[in-house]
Amino acid sequence: LNQPLKTPWRPWCLTQYYKQRVVRDERFKLYSTGEFYDLSEDPLELHN
């Protein structure tokens, strides 16, 4: 509705499948299995 937020928006979002989870912020993404990617320059996740 293009209204001001009462509190800051969350800095991360999350999803999972079975036991594996991933969490990301605006730039980086981390897997629960340890892989870590800079999505700003590596959107295909080729460089751990």
ModelCIF file with pLDDT and N, C-alpha, C, O atoms, coordinates in Angstrom:
data_MODEL
#
_entry.id   MODEL 
#
_entity.id                         1 
_entity.type                       polymer 
_entity.pdbx_number_of_molecules   1 
#
_entity_poly.entity_id                      1 
_entity_poly.type                           'polypeptide(L)' 
_entity_poly.nstd_linkage                   no 
_entity_poly.nstd_monomer                   no 
_entity_poly.pdbx_seq_one_letter_code       LNQPLKTPWRPWCLTQYYKQRVVRDERFKLYSTGEFYDLSEDPLELHN 
_entity_poly.pdbx_seq_one_letter_code_can   LNQPLKTPWRPWCLTQYYKQRVVRDERFKLYSTGEFYDLSEDPLELHN 
_entity_poly.pdbx_strand_id                 A 
#
loop_
_entity_poly_seq.entity_id 
_entity_poly_seq.num 
_entity_poly_seq.mon_id 
_entity_poly_seq.hetero 
1 1  LEU n 
1 2  ASN n 
1 3  GLN n 
1 4  PRO n 
1 5  LEU n 
1 6  LYS n 
1 7  THR n 
1 8  PRO n 
1 9  TRP n 
1 10 ARG n 
1 11 PRO n 
1 12 TRP n 
1 13 CYS n 
1 14 LEU n 
1 15 THR n 
1 16 GLN n 
1 17 TYR n 
1 18 TYR n 
1 19 LYS n 
1 20 GLN n 
1 21 ARG n 
1 22 VAL n 
1 23 VAL n 
1 24 ARG n 
1 25 ASP n 
1 26 GLU n 
1 27 ARG n 
1 28 PHE n 
1 29 LYS n 
1 30 LEU n 
1 31 TYR n 
1 32 SER n 
1 33 THR n 
1 34 GLY n 
1 35 GLU n 
1 36 PHE n 
1 37 TYR n 
1 38 ASP n 
1 39 LEU n 
1 40 SER n 
1 41 GLU n 
1 42 ASP n 
1 43 PRO n 
1 44 LEU n 
1 45 GLU n 
1 46 LEU n 
1 47 HIS n 
1 48 ASN n 
#
_struct_asym.id          A 
_struct_asym.entity_id   1 
#
loop_
_ma_qa_metric.id 
_ma_qa_metric.mode 
_ma_qa_metric.name 
_ma_qa_metric.software_group_id 
_ma_qa_metric.type 
1 global pLDDT . pLDDT 
2 local  pLDDT . pLDDT 
#
_ma_qa_metric_global.metric_id      1 
_ma_qa_metric_global.metric_value   96.69 
_ma_qa_metric_global.model_id       1 
_ma_qa_metric_global.ordinal_id     1 
#
loop_
_ma_qa_metric_local.label_asym_id 
_ma_qa_metric_local.label_comp_id 
_ma_qa_metric_local.label_seq_id 
_ma_qa_metric_local.metric_id 
_ma_qa_metric_local.metric_value 
_ma_qa_metric_local.model_id 
_ma_qa_metric_local.ordinal_id 
A LEU 1  2 98.00 1 1  
A ASN 2  2 96.00 1 2  
A GLN 3  2 96.00 1 3  
A PRO 4  2 94.00 1 4  
A LEU 5  2 94.00 1 5  
A LYS 6  2 90.00 1 6  
A THR 7  2 93.00 1 7  
A PRO 8  2 94.00 1 8  
A TRP 9  2 97.00 1 9  
A ARG 10 2 94.00 1 10 
A PRO 11 2 96.00 1 11 
A TRP 12 2 97.00 1 12 
A CYS 13 2 97.00 1 13 
A LEU 14 2 97.00 1 14 
A THR 15 2 97.00 1 15 
A GLN 16 2 98.00 1 16 
A TYR 17 2 98.00 1 17 
A TYR 18 2 97.00 1 18 
A LYS 19 2 97.00 1 19 
A GLN 20 2 98.00 1 20 
A ARG 21 2 98.00 1 21 
A VAL 22 2 98.00 1 22 
A VAL 23 2 98.00 1 23 
A ARG 24 2 98.00 1 24 
A ASP 25 2 97.00 1 25 
A GLU 26 2 96.00 1 26 
A ARG 27 2 98.00 1 27 
A PHE 28 2 98.00 1 28 
A LYS 29 2 98.00 1 29 
A LEU 30 2 98.00 1 30 
A TYR 31 2 98.00 1 31 
A SER 32 2 98.00 1 32 
A THR 33 2 97.00 1 33 
A GLY 34 2 97.00 1 34 
A GLU 35 2 98.00 1 35 
A PHE 36 2 98.00 1 36 
A TYR 37 2 98.00 1 37 
A ASP 38 2 98.00 1 38 
A LEU 39 2 98.00 1 39 
A SER 40 2 97.00 1 40 
A GLU 41 2 96.00 1 41 
A ASP 42 2 97.00 1 42 
A PRO 43 2 95.00 1 43 
A LEU 44 2 95.00 1 44 
A GLU 45 2 97.00 1 45 
A LEU 46 2 96.00 1 46 
A HIS 47 2 96.00 1 47 
A ASN 48 2 97.00 1 48 
#
loop_
_atom_site.group_PDB 
_atom_site.id 
_atom_site.type_symbol 
_atom_site.label_atom_id 
_atom_site.label_alt_id 
_atom_site.label_comp_id 
_atom_site.label_asym_id 
_atom_site.label_entity_id 
_atom_site.label_seq_id 
_atom_site.pdbx_PDB_ins_code 
_atom_site.Cartn_x 
_atom_site.Cartn_y 
_atom_site.Cartn_z 
_atom_site.occupancy 
_atom_site.B_iso_or_equiv 
_atom_site.pdbx_formal_charge 
_atom_site.auth_seq_id 
_atom_site.auth_comp_id 
_atom_site.auth_asym_id 
_atom_site.auth_atom_id 
_atom_site.pdbx_PDB_model_num 
ATOM 1   N N  . LEU A 1 1  ? 0.816  -1.221  0.000   1.00 98.00 ? 1  LEU A N  1 
ATOM 2   C CA . LEU A 1 1  ? 0.000  0.000   0.000   1.00 98.00 ? 1  LEU A CA 1 
ATOM 3   C C  . LEU A 1 1  ? 0.848  1.269   0.000   1.00 98.00 ? 1  LEU A C  1 
ATOM 4   O O  . LEU A 1 1  ? 0.317  2.375   0.104   1.00 98.00 ? 1  LEU A O  1 
ATOM 5   N N  . ASN A 1 2  ? 2.181  1.106   -0.118  1.00 96.00 ? 2  ASN A N  1 
ATOM 6   C CA . ASN A 1 2  ? 3.114  2.233   -0.179  1.00 96.00 ? 2  ASN A CA 1 
ATOM 7   C C  . ASN A 1 2  ? 3.016  3.106   1.075   1.00 96.00 ? 2  ASN A C  1 
ATOM 8   O O  . ASN A 1 2  ? 2.984  4.335   1.004   1.00 96.00 ? 2  ASN A O  1 
ATOM 9   N N  . GLN A 1 3  ? 2.970  2.425   2.224   1.00 96.00 ? 3  GLN A N  1 
ATOM 10  C CA . GLN A 1 3  ? 2.901  3.099   3.511   1.00 96.00 ? 3  GLN A CA 1 
ATOM 11  C C  . GLN A 1 3  ? 4.228  2.931   4.246   1.00 96.00 ? 3  GLN A C  1 
ATOM 12  O O  . GLN A 1 3  ? 4.951  1.967   3.995   1.00 96.00 ? 3  GLN A O  1 
ATOM 13  N N  . PRO A 1 4  ? 4.555  3.849   5.143   1.00 94.00 ? 4  PRO A N  1 
ATOM 14  C CA . PRO A 1 4  ? 5.813  3.710   5.896   1.00 94.00 ? 4  PRO A CA 1 
ATOM 15  C C  . PRO A 1 4  ? 5.763  2.516   6.843   1.00 94.00 ? 4  PRO A C  1 
ATOM 16  O O  . PRO A 1 4  ? 4.713  2.201   7.403   1.00 94.00 ? 4  PRO A O  1 
ATOM 17  N N  . LEU A 1 5  ? 6.900  1.860   7.016   1.00 94.00 ? 5  LEU A N  1 
ATOM 18  C CA . LEU A 1 5  ? 6.992  0.733   7.938   1.00 94.00 ? 5  LEU A CA 1 
ATOM 19  C C  . LEU A 1 5  ? 7.129  1.252   9.370   1.00 94.00 ? 5  LEU A C  1 
ATOM 20  O O  . LEU A 1 5  ? 7.847  2.218   9.628   1.00 94.00 ? 5  LEU A O  1 
ATOM 21  N N  . LYS A 1 6  ? 6.429  0.594   10.295  1.00 90.00 ? 6  LYS A N  1 
ATOM 22  C CA . LYS A 1 6  ? 6.538  0.985   11.699  1.00 90.00 ? 6  LYS A CA 1 
ATOM 23  C C  . LYS A 1 6  ? 7.858  0.524   12.303  1.00 90.00 ? 6  LYS A C  1 
ATOM 24  O O  . LYS A 1 6  ? 8.401  1.171   13.198  1.00 90.00 ? 6  LYS A O  1 
ATOM 25  N N  . THR A 1 7  ? 8.368  -0.597  11.806  1.00 93.00 ? 7  THR A N  1 
ATOM 26  C CA . THR A 1 7  ? 9.660  -1.112  12.247  1.00 93.00 ? 7  THR A CA 1 
ATOM 27  C C  . THR A 1 7  ? 10.477 -1.472  11.015  1.00 93.00 ? 7  THR A C  1 
ATOM 28  O O  . THR A 1 7  ? 9.899  -1.724  9.957   1.00 93.00 ? 7  THR A O  1 
ATOM 29  N N  . PRO A 1 8  ? 11.807 -1.505  11.116  1.00 94.00 ? 8  PRO A N  1 
ATOM 30  C CA . PRO A 1 8  ? 12.632 -1.863  9.949   1.00 94.00 ? 8  PRO A CA 1 
ATOM 31  C C  . PRO A 1 8  ? 12.277 -3.254  9.432   1.00 94.00 ? 8  PRO A C  1 
ATOM 32  O O  . PRO A 1 8  ? 11.928 -4.149  10.202  1.00 94.00 ? 8  PRO A O  1 
ATOM 33  N N  . TRP A 1 9  ? 12.371 -3.417  8.129   1.00 97.00 ? 9  TRP A N  1 
ATOM 34  C CA . TRP A 1 9  ? 12.082 -4.723  7.535   1.00 97.00 ? 9  TRP A CA 1 
ATOM 35  C C  . TRP A 1 9  ? 13.190 -5.694  7.893   1.00 97.00 ? 9  TRP A C  1 
ATOM 36  O O  . TRP A 1 9  ? 14.324 -5.282  8.137   1.00 97.00 ? 9  TRP A O  1 
ATOM 37  N N  . ARG A 1 10 ? 12.875 -6.973  7.924   1.00 94.00 ? 10 ARG A N  1 
ATOM 38  C CA . ARG A 1 10 ? 13.870 -7.954  8.361   1.00 94.00 ? 10 ARG A CA 1 
ATOM 39  C C  . ARG A 1 10 ? 15.055 -8.007  7.391   1.00 94.00 ? 10 ARG A C  1 
ATOM 40  O O  . ARG A 1 10 ? 14.885 -7.814  6.187   1.00 94.00 ? 10 ARG A O  1 
ATOM 41  N N  . PRO A 1 11 ? 16.244 -8.267  7.918   1.00 96.00 ? 11 PRO A N  1 
ATOM 42  C CA . PRO A 1 11 ? 17.455 -8.246  7.089   1.00 96.00 ? 11 PRO A CA 1 
ATOM 43  C C  . PRO A 1 11 ? 17.759 -9.564  6.405   1.00 96.00 ? 11 PRO A C  1 
ATOM 44  O O  . PRO A 1 11 ? 18.768 -9.663  5.707   1.00 96.00 ? 11 PRO A O  1 
ATOM 45  N N  . TRP A 1 12 ? 16.913 -10.595 6.580   1.00 97.00 ? 12 TRP A N  1 
ATOM 46  C CA . TRP A 1 12 ? 17.185 -11.895 5.963   1.00 97.00 ? 12 TRP A CA 1 
ATOM 47  C C  . TRP A 1 12 ? 15.866 -12.606 5.662   1.00 97.00 ? 12 TRP A C  1 
ATOM 48  O O  . TRP A 1 12 ? 14.829 -12.283 6.240   1.00 97.00 ? 12 TRP A O  1 
ATOM 49  N N  . CYS A 1 13 ? 15.921 -13.573 4.753   1.00 97.00 ? 13 CYS A N  1 
ATOM 50  C CA . CYS A 1 13 ? 14.790 -14.473 4.535   1.00 97.00 ? 13 CYS A CA 1 
ATOM 51  C C  . CYS A 1 13 ? 15.328 -15.890 4.437   1.00 97.00 ? 13 CYS A C  1 
ATOM 52  O O  . CYS A 1 13 ? 16.528 -16.098 4.255   1.00 97.00 ? 13 CYS A O  1 
ATOM 53  N N  . LEU A 1 14 ? 14.432 -16.864 4.560   1.00 97.00 ? 14 LEU A N  1 
ATOM 54  C CA . LEU A 1 14 ? 14.860 -18.243 4.742   1.00 97.00 ? 14 LEU A CA 1 
ATOM 55  C C  . LEU A 1 14 ? 13.940 -19.219 4.021   1.00 97.00 ? 14 LEU A C  1 
ATOM 56  O O  . LEU A 1 14 ? 12.749 -18.964 3.844   1.00 97.00 ? 14 LEU A O  1 
ATOM 57  N N  . THR A 1 15 ? 14.512 -20.325 3.615   1.00 97.00 ? 15 THR A N  1 
ATOM 58  C CA . THR A 1 15 ? 13.707 -21.458 3.186   1.00 97.00 ? 15 THR A CA 1 
ATOM 59  C C  . THR A 1 15 ? 14.495 -22.728 3.455   1.00 97.00 ? 15 THR A C  1 
ATOM 60  O O  . THR A 1 15 ? 15.634 -22.674 3.917   1.00 97.00 ? 15 THR A O  1 
ATOM 61  N N  . GLN A 1 16 ? 13.884 -23.878 3.163   1.00 98.00 ? 16 GLN A N  1 
ATOM 62  C CA . GLN A 1 16 ? 14.559 -25.137 3.438   1.00 98.00 ? 16 GLN A CA 1 
ATOM 63  C C  . GLN A 1 16 ? 13.917 -26.261 2.647   1.00 98.00 ? 16 GLN A C  1 
ATOM 64  O O  . GLN A 1 16 ? 12.807 -26.124 2.131   1.00 98.00 ? 16 GLN A O  1 
ATOM 65  N N  . TYR A 1 17 ? 14.629 -27.371 2.559   1.00 98.00 ? 17 TYR A N  1 
ATOM 66  C CA . TYR A 1 17 ? 14.055 -28.629 2.108   1.00 98.00 ? 17 TYR A CA 1 
ATOM 67  C C  . TYR A 1 17 ? 14.673 -29.744 2.930   1.00 98.00 ? 17 TYR A C  1 
ATOM 68  O O  . TYR A 1 17 ? 15.892 -29.914 2.950   1.00 98.00 ? 17 TYR A O  1 
ATOM 69  N N  . TYR A 1 18 ? 13.834 -30.491 3.600   1.00 97.00 ? 18 TYR A N  1 
ATOM 70  C CA . TYR A 1 18 ? 14.235 -31.530 4.544   1.00 97.00 ? 18 TYR A CA 1 
ATOM 71  C C  . TYR A 1 18 ? 15.120 -30.887 5.612   1.00 97.00 ? 18 TYR A C  1 
ATOM 72  O O  . TYR A 1 18 ? 14.670 -29.965 6.291   1.00 97.00 ? 18 TYR A O  1 
ATOM 73  N N  . LYS A 1 19 ? 16.351 -31.337 5.781   1.00 97.00 ? 19 LYS A N  1 
ATOM 74  C CA . LYS A 1 19 ? 17.204 -30.783 6.826   1.00 97.00 ? 19 LYS A CA 1 
ATOM 75  C C  . LYS A 1 19 ? 18.075 -29.625 6.344   1.00 97.00 ? 19 LYS A C  1 
ATOM 76  O O  . LYS A 1 19 ? 18.686 -28.922 7.148   1.00 97.00 ? 19 LYS A O  1 
ATOM 77  N N  . GLN A 1 20 ? 18.126 -29.435 5.031   1.00 98.00 ? 20 GLN A N  1 
ATOM 78  C CA . GLN A 1 20 ? 18.992 -28.387 4.491   1.00 98.00 ? 20 GLN A CA 1 
ATOM 79  C C  . GLN A 1 20 ? 18.247 -27.056 4.458   1.00 98.00 ? 20 GLN A C  1 
ATOM 80  O O  . GLN A 1 20 ? 17.129 -26.964 3.951   1.00 98.00 ? 20 GLN A O  1 
ATOM 81  N N  . ARG A 1 21 ? 18.888 -26.035 5.006   1.00 98.00 ? 21 ARG A N  1 
ATOM 82  C CA . ARG A 1 21 ? 18.283 -24.710 5.062   1.00 98.00 ? 21 ARG A CA 1 
ATOM 83  C C  . ARG A 1 21 ? 19.198 -23.703 4.378   1.00 98.00 ? 21 ARG A C  1 
ATOM 84  O O  . ARG A 1 21 ? 20.414 -23.885 4.322   1.00 98.00 ? 21 ARG A O  1 
ATOM 85  N N  . VAL A 1 22 ? 18.599 -22.650 3.865   1.00 98.00 ? 22 VAL A N  1 
ATOM 86  C CA . VAL A 1 22 ? 19.384 -21.544 3.313   1.00 98.00 ? 22 VAL A CA 1 
ATOM 87  C C  . VAL A 1 22 ? 18.816 -20.239 3.844   1.00 98.00 ? 22 VAL A C  1 
ATOM 88  O O  . VAL A 1 22 ? 17.606 -20.089 4.013   1.00 98.00 ? 22 VAL A O  1 
ATOM 89  N N  . VAL A 1 23 ? 19.702 -19.313 4.100   1.00 98.00 ? 23 VAL A N  1 
ATOM 90  C CA . VAL A 1 23 ? 19.305 -17.991 4.565   1.00 98.00 ? 23 VAL A CA 1 
ATOM 91  C C  . VAL A 1 23 ? 20.124 -16.973 3.786   1.00 98.00 ? 23 VAL A C  1 
ATOM 92  O O  . VAL A 1 23 ? 21.295 -17.210 3.489   1.00 98.00 ? 23 VAL A O  1 
ATOM 93  N N  . ARG A 1 24 ? 19.515 -15.843 3.455   1.00 98.00 ? 24 ARG A N  1 
ATOM 94  C CA . ARG A 1 24 ? 20.231 -14.837 2.683   1.00 98.00 ? 24 ARG A CA 1 
ATOM 95  C C  . ARG A 1 24 ? 19.893 -13.443 3.185   1.00 98.00 ? 24 ARG A C  1 
ATOM 96  O O  . ARG A 1 24 ? 18.824 -13.204 3.748   1.00 98.00 ? 24 ARG A O  1 
ATOM 97  N N  . ASP A 1 25 ? 20.830 -12.530 2.967   1.00 97.00 ? 25 ASP A N  1 
ATOM 98  C CA . ASP A 1 25 ? 20.562 -11.115 3.171   1.00 97.00 ? 25 ASP A CA 1 
ATOM 99  C C  . ASP A 1 25 ? 20.487 -10.475 1.789   1.00 97.00 ? 25 ASP A C  1 
ATOM 100 O O  . ASP A 1 25 ? 20.295 -11.180 0.798   1.00 97.00 ? 25 ASP A O  1 
ATOM 101 N N  . GLU A 1 26 ? 20.632 -9.176  1.703   1.00 96.00 ? 26 GLU A N  1 
ATOM 102 C CA . GLU A 1 26 ? 20.485 -8.519  0.405   1.00 96.00 ? 26 GLU A CA 1 
ATOM 103 C C  . GLU A 1 26 ? 21.553 -8.954  -0.598  1.00 96.00 ? 26 GLU A C  1 
ATOM 104 O O  . GLU A 1 26 ? 21.343 -8.874  -1.809  1.00 96.00 ? 26 GLU A O  1 
ATOM 105 N N  . ARG A 1 27 ? 22.685 -9.408  -0.096  1.00 98.00 ? 27 ARG A N  1 
ATOM 106 C CA . ARG A 1 27 ? 23.801 -9.708  -0.997  1.00 98.00 ? 27 ARG A CA 1 
ATOM 107 C C  . ARG A 1 27 ? 24.283 -11.155 -0.919  1.00 98.00 ? 27 ARG A C  1 
ATOM 108 O O  . ARG A 1 27 ? 24.576 -11.769 -1.945  1.00 98.00 ? 27 ARG A O  1 
ATOM 109 N N  . PHE A 1 28 ? 24.365 -11.696 0.285   1.00 98.00 ? 28 PHE A N  1 
ATOM 110 C CA . PHE A 1 28 ? 24.996 -13.000 0.479   1.00 98.00 ? 28 PHE A CA 1 
ATOM 111 C C  . PHE A 1 28 ? 23.979 -14.088 0.827   1.00 98.00 ? 28 PHE A C  1 
ATOM 112 O O  . PHE A 1 28 ? 22.876 -13.814 1.301   1.00 98.00 ? 28 PHE A O  1 
ATOM 113 N N  . LYS A 1 29 ? 24.394 -15.335 0.573   1.00 98.00 ? 29 LYS A N  1 
ATOM 114 C CA . LYS A 1 29 ? 23.536 -16.494 0.831   1.00 98.00 ? 29 LYS A CA 1 
ATOM 115 C C  . LYS A 1 29 ? 24.370 -17.592 1.485   1.00 98.00 ? 29 LYS A C  1 
ATOM 116 O O  . LYS A 1 29 ? 25.467 -17.918 1.031   1.00 98.00 ? 29 LYS A O  1 
ATOM 117 N N  . LEU A 1 30 ? 23.821 -18.154 2.567   1.00 98.00 ? 30 LEU A N  1 
ATOM 118 C CA . LEU A 1 30 ? 24.528 -19.197 3.314   1.00 98.00 ? 30 LEU A CA 1 
ATOM 119 C C  . LEU A 1 30 ? 23.661 -20.438 3.442   1.00 98.00 ? 30 LEU A C  1 
ATOM 120 O O  . LEU A 1 30 ? 22.493 -20.359 3.823   1.00 98.00 ? 30 LEU A O  1 
ATOM 121 N N  . TYR A 1 31 ? 24.240 -21.575 3.123   1.00 98.00 ? 31 TYR A N  1 
ATOM 122 C CA . TYR A 1 31 ? 23.574 -22.870 3.297   1.00 98.00 ? 31 TYR A CA 1 
ATOM 123 C C  . TYR A 1 31 ? 23.927 -23.444 4.669   1.00 98.00 ? 31 TYR A C  1 
ATOM 124 O O  . TYR A 1 31 ? 25.002 -23.181 5.209   1.00 98.00 ? 31 TYR A O  1 
ATOM 125 N N  . SER A 1 32 ? 23.008 -24.229 5.220   1.00 98.00 ? 32 SER A N  1 
ATOM 126 C CA . SER A 1 32 ? 23.309 -24.890 6.493   1.00 98.00 ? 32 SER A CA 1 
ATOM 127 C C  . SER A 1 32 ? 24.422 -25.913 6.326   1.00 98.00 ? 32 SER A C  1 
ATOM 128 O O  . SER A 1 32 ? 25.052 -26.314 7.304   1.00 98.00 ? 32 SER A O  1 
ATOM 129 N N  . THR A 1 33 ? 24.663 -26.332 5.098   1.00 97.00 ? 33 THR A N  1 
ATOM 130 C CA . THR A 1 33 ? 25.760 -27.262 4.807   1.00 97.00 ? 33 THR A CA 1 
ATOM 131 C C  . THR A 1 33 ? 27.098 -26.542 4.614   1.00 97.00 ? 33 THR A C  1 
ATOM 132 O O  . THR A 1 33 ? 28.121 -27.185 4.379   1.00 97.00 ? 33 THR A O  1 
ATOM 133 N N  . GLY A 1 34 ? 27.089 -25.207 4.713   1.00 97.00 ? 34 GLY A N  1 
ATOM 134 C CA . GLY A 1 34 ? 28.339 -24.457 4.739   1.00 97.00 ? 34 GLY A CA 1 
ATOM 135 C C  . GLY A 1 34 ? 28.652 -23.604 3.528   1.00 97.00 ? 34 GLY A C  1 
ATOM 136 O O  . GLY A 1 34 ? 29.463 -22.684 3.634   1.00 97.00 ? 34 GLY A O  1 
ATOM 137 N N  . GLU A 1 35 ? 28.038 -23.871 2.368   1.00 98.00 ? 35 GLU A N  1 
ATOM 138 C CA . GLU A 1 35 ? 28.349 -23.091 1.169   1.00 98.00 ? 35 GLU A CA 1 
ATOM 139 C C  . GLU A 1 35 ? 27.925 -21.633 1.358   1.00 98.00 ? 35 GLU A C  1 
ATOM 140 O O  . GLU A 1 35 ? 26.894 -21.349 1.966   1.00 98.00 ? 35 GLU A O  1 
ATOM 141 N N  . PHE A 1 36 ? 28.728 -20.724 0.833   1.00 98.00 ? 36 PHE A N  1 
ATOM 142 C CA . PHE A 1 36 ? 28.514 -19.294 1.032   1.00 98.00 ? 36 PHE A CA 1 
ATOM 143 C C  . PHE A 1 36 ? 28.775 -18.578 -0.288  1.00 98.00 ? 36 PHE A C  1 
ATOM 144 O O  . PHE A 1 36 ? 29.834 -18.749 -0.891  1.00 98.00 ? 36 PHE A O  1 
ATOM 145 N N  . TYR A 1 37 ? 27.803 -17.769 -0.739  1.00 98.00 ? 37 TYR A N  1 
ATOM 146 C CA . TYR A 1 37 ? 27.903 -17.150 -2.065  1.00 98.00 ? 37 TYR A CA 1 
ATOM 147 C C  . TYR A 1 37 ? 27.580 -15.664 -1.999  1.00 98.00 ? 37 TYR A C  1 
ATOM 148 O O  . TYR A 1 37 ? 26.761 -15.219 -1.194  1.00 98.00 ? 37 TYR A O  1 
ATOM 149 N N  . ASP A 1 38 ? 28.241 -14.918 -2.861  1.00 98.00 ? 38 ASP A N  1 
ATOM 150 C CA . ASP A 1 38 ? 27.936 -13.502 -3.059  1.00 98.00 ? 38 ASP A CA 1 
ATOM 151 C C  . ASP A 1 38 ? 27.017 -13.408 -4.276  1.00 98.00 ? 38 ASP A C  1 
ATOM 152 O O  . ASP A 1 38 ? 27.482 -13.454 -5.414  1.00 98.00 ? 38 ASP A O  1 
ATOM 153 N N  . LEU A 1 39 ? 25.729 -13.277 -4.037  1.00 98.00 ? 39 LEU A N  1 
ATOM 154 C CA . LEU A 1 39 ? 24.754 -13.300 -5.124  1.00 98.00 ? 39 LEU A CA 1 
ATOM 155 C C  . LEU A 1 39 ? 24.833 -12.061 -6.006  1.00 98.00 ? 39 LEU A C  1 
ATOM 156 O O  . LEU A 1 39 ? 24.377 -12.084 -7.149  1.00 98.00 ? 39 LEU A O  1 
ATOM 157 N N  . SER A 1 40 ? 25.406 -10.987 -5.486  1.00 97.00 ? 40 SER A N  1 
ATOM 158 C CA . SER A 1 40 ? 25.497 -9.766  -6.286  1.00 97.00 ? 40 SER A CA 1 
ATOM 159 C C  . SER A 1 40 ? 26.407 -9.946  -7.489  1.00 97.00 ? 40 SER A C  1 
ATOM 160 O O  . SER A 1 40 ? 26.206 -9.303  -8.519  1.00 97.00 ? 40 SER A O  1 
ATOM 161 N N  . GLU A 1 41 ? 27.404 -10.813 -7.371  1.00 96.00 ? 41 GLU A N  1 
ATOM 162 C CA . GLU A 1 41 ? 28.319 -11.036 -8.487  1.00 96.00 ? 41 GLU A CA 1 
ATOM 163 C C  . GLU A 1 41 ? 28.326 -12.488 -8.970  1.00 96.00 ? 41 GLU A C  1 
ATOM 164 O O  . GLU A 1 41 ? 28.967 -12.807 -9.972  1.00 96.00 ? 41 GLU A O  1 
ATOM 165 N N  . ASP A 1 42 ? 27.620 -13.358 -8.265  1.00 97.00 ? 42 ASP A N  1 
ATOM 166 C CA . ASP A 1 42 ? 27.630 -14.787 -8.601  1.00 97.00 ? 42 ASP A CA 1 
ATOM 167 C C  . ASP A 1 42 ? 26.217 -15.367 -8.439  1.00 97.00 ? 42 ASP A C  1 
ATOM 168 O O  . ASP A 1 42 ? 26.008 -16.246 -7.602  1.00 97.00 ? 42 ASP A O  1 
ATOM 169 N N  . PRO A 1 43 ? 25.242 -14.886 -9.231  1.00 95.00 ? 43 PRO A N  1 
ATOM 170 C CA . PRO A 1 43 ? 23.847 -15.343 -9.065  1.00 95.00 ? 43 PRO A CA 1 
ATOM 171 C C  . PRO A 1 43 ? 23.647 -16.822 -9.381  1.00 95.00 ? 43 PRO A C  1 
ATOM 172 O O  . PRO A 1 43 ? 22.672 -17.420 -8.926  1.00 95.00 ? 43 PRO A O  1 
ATOM 173 N N  . LEU A 1 44 ? 24.551 -17.420 -10.150 1.00 95.00 ? 44 LEU A N  1 
ATOM 174 C CA . LEU A 1 44 ? 24.432 -18.845 -10.468 1.00 95.00 ? 44 LEU A CA 1 
ATOM 175 C C  . LEU A 1 44 ? 25.126 -19.724 -9.429  1.00 95.00 ? 44 LEU A C  1 
ATOM 176 O O  . LEU A 1 44 ? 25.125 -20.950 -9.541  1.00 95.00 ? 44 LEU A O  1 
ATOM 177 N N  . GLU A 1 45 ? 25.717 -19.088 -8.418  1.00 97.00 ? 45 GLU A N  1 
ATOM 178 C CA . GLU A 1 45 ? 26.345 -19.806 -7.300  1.00 97.00 ? 45 GLU A CA 1 
ATOM 179 C C  . GLU A 1 45 ? 27.428 -20.779 -7.785  1.00 97.00 ? 45 GLU A C  1 
ATOM 180 O O  . GLU A 1 45 ? 27.398 -21.972 -7.483  1.00 97.00 ? 45 GLU A O  1 
ATOM 181 N N  . LEU A 1 46 ? 28.366 -20.244 -8.531  1.00 96.00 ? 46 LEU A N  1 
ATOM 182 C CA . LEU A 1 46 ? 29.449 -21.065 -9.079  1.00 96.00 ? 46 LEU A CA 1 
ATOM 183 C C  . LEU A 1 46 ? 30.712 -21.009 -8.216  1.00 96.00 ? 46 LEU A C  1 
ATOM 184 O O  . LEU A 1 46 ? 31.589 -21.862 -8.355  1.00 96.00 ? 46 LEU A O  1 
ATOM 185 N N  . HIS A 1 47 ? 30.813 -20.014 -7.326  1.00 96.00 ? 47 HIS A N  1 
ATOM 186 C CA . HIS A 1 47 ? 32.055 -19.804 -6.576  1.00 96.00 ? 47 HIS A CA 1 
ATOM 187 C C  . HIS A 1 47 ? 31.763 -19.783 -5.072  1.00 96.00 ? 47 HIS A C  1 
ATOM 188 O O  . HIS A 1 47 ? 31.329 -18.769 -4.526  1.00 96.00 ? 47 HIS A O  1 
ATOM 189 N N  . ASN A 1 48 ? 32.003 -20.890 -4.433  1.00 97.00 ? 48 ASN A N  1 
ATOM 190 C CA . ASN A 1 48 ? 31.791 -21.015 -2.997  1.00 97.00 ? 48 ASN A CA 1 
ATOM 191 C C  . ASN A 1 48 ? 32.893 -20.269 -2.243  1.00 97.00 ? 48 ASN A C  1 
ATOM 192 O O  . ASN A 1 48 ? 32.897 -20.252 -1.013  1.00 97.00 ? 48 ASN A O  1 
#
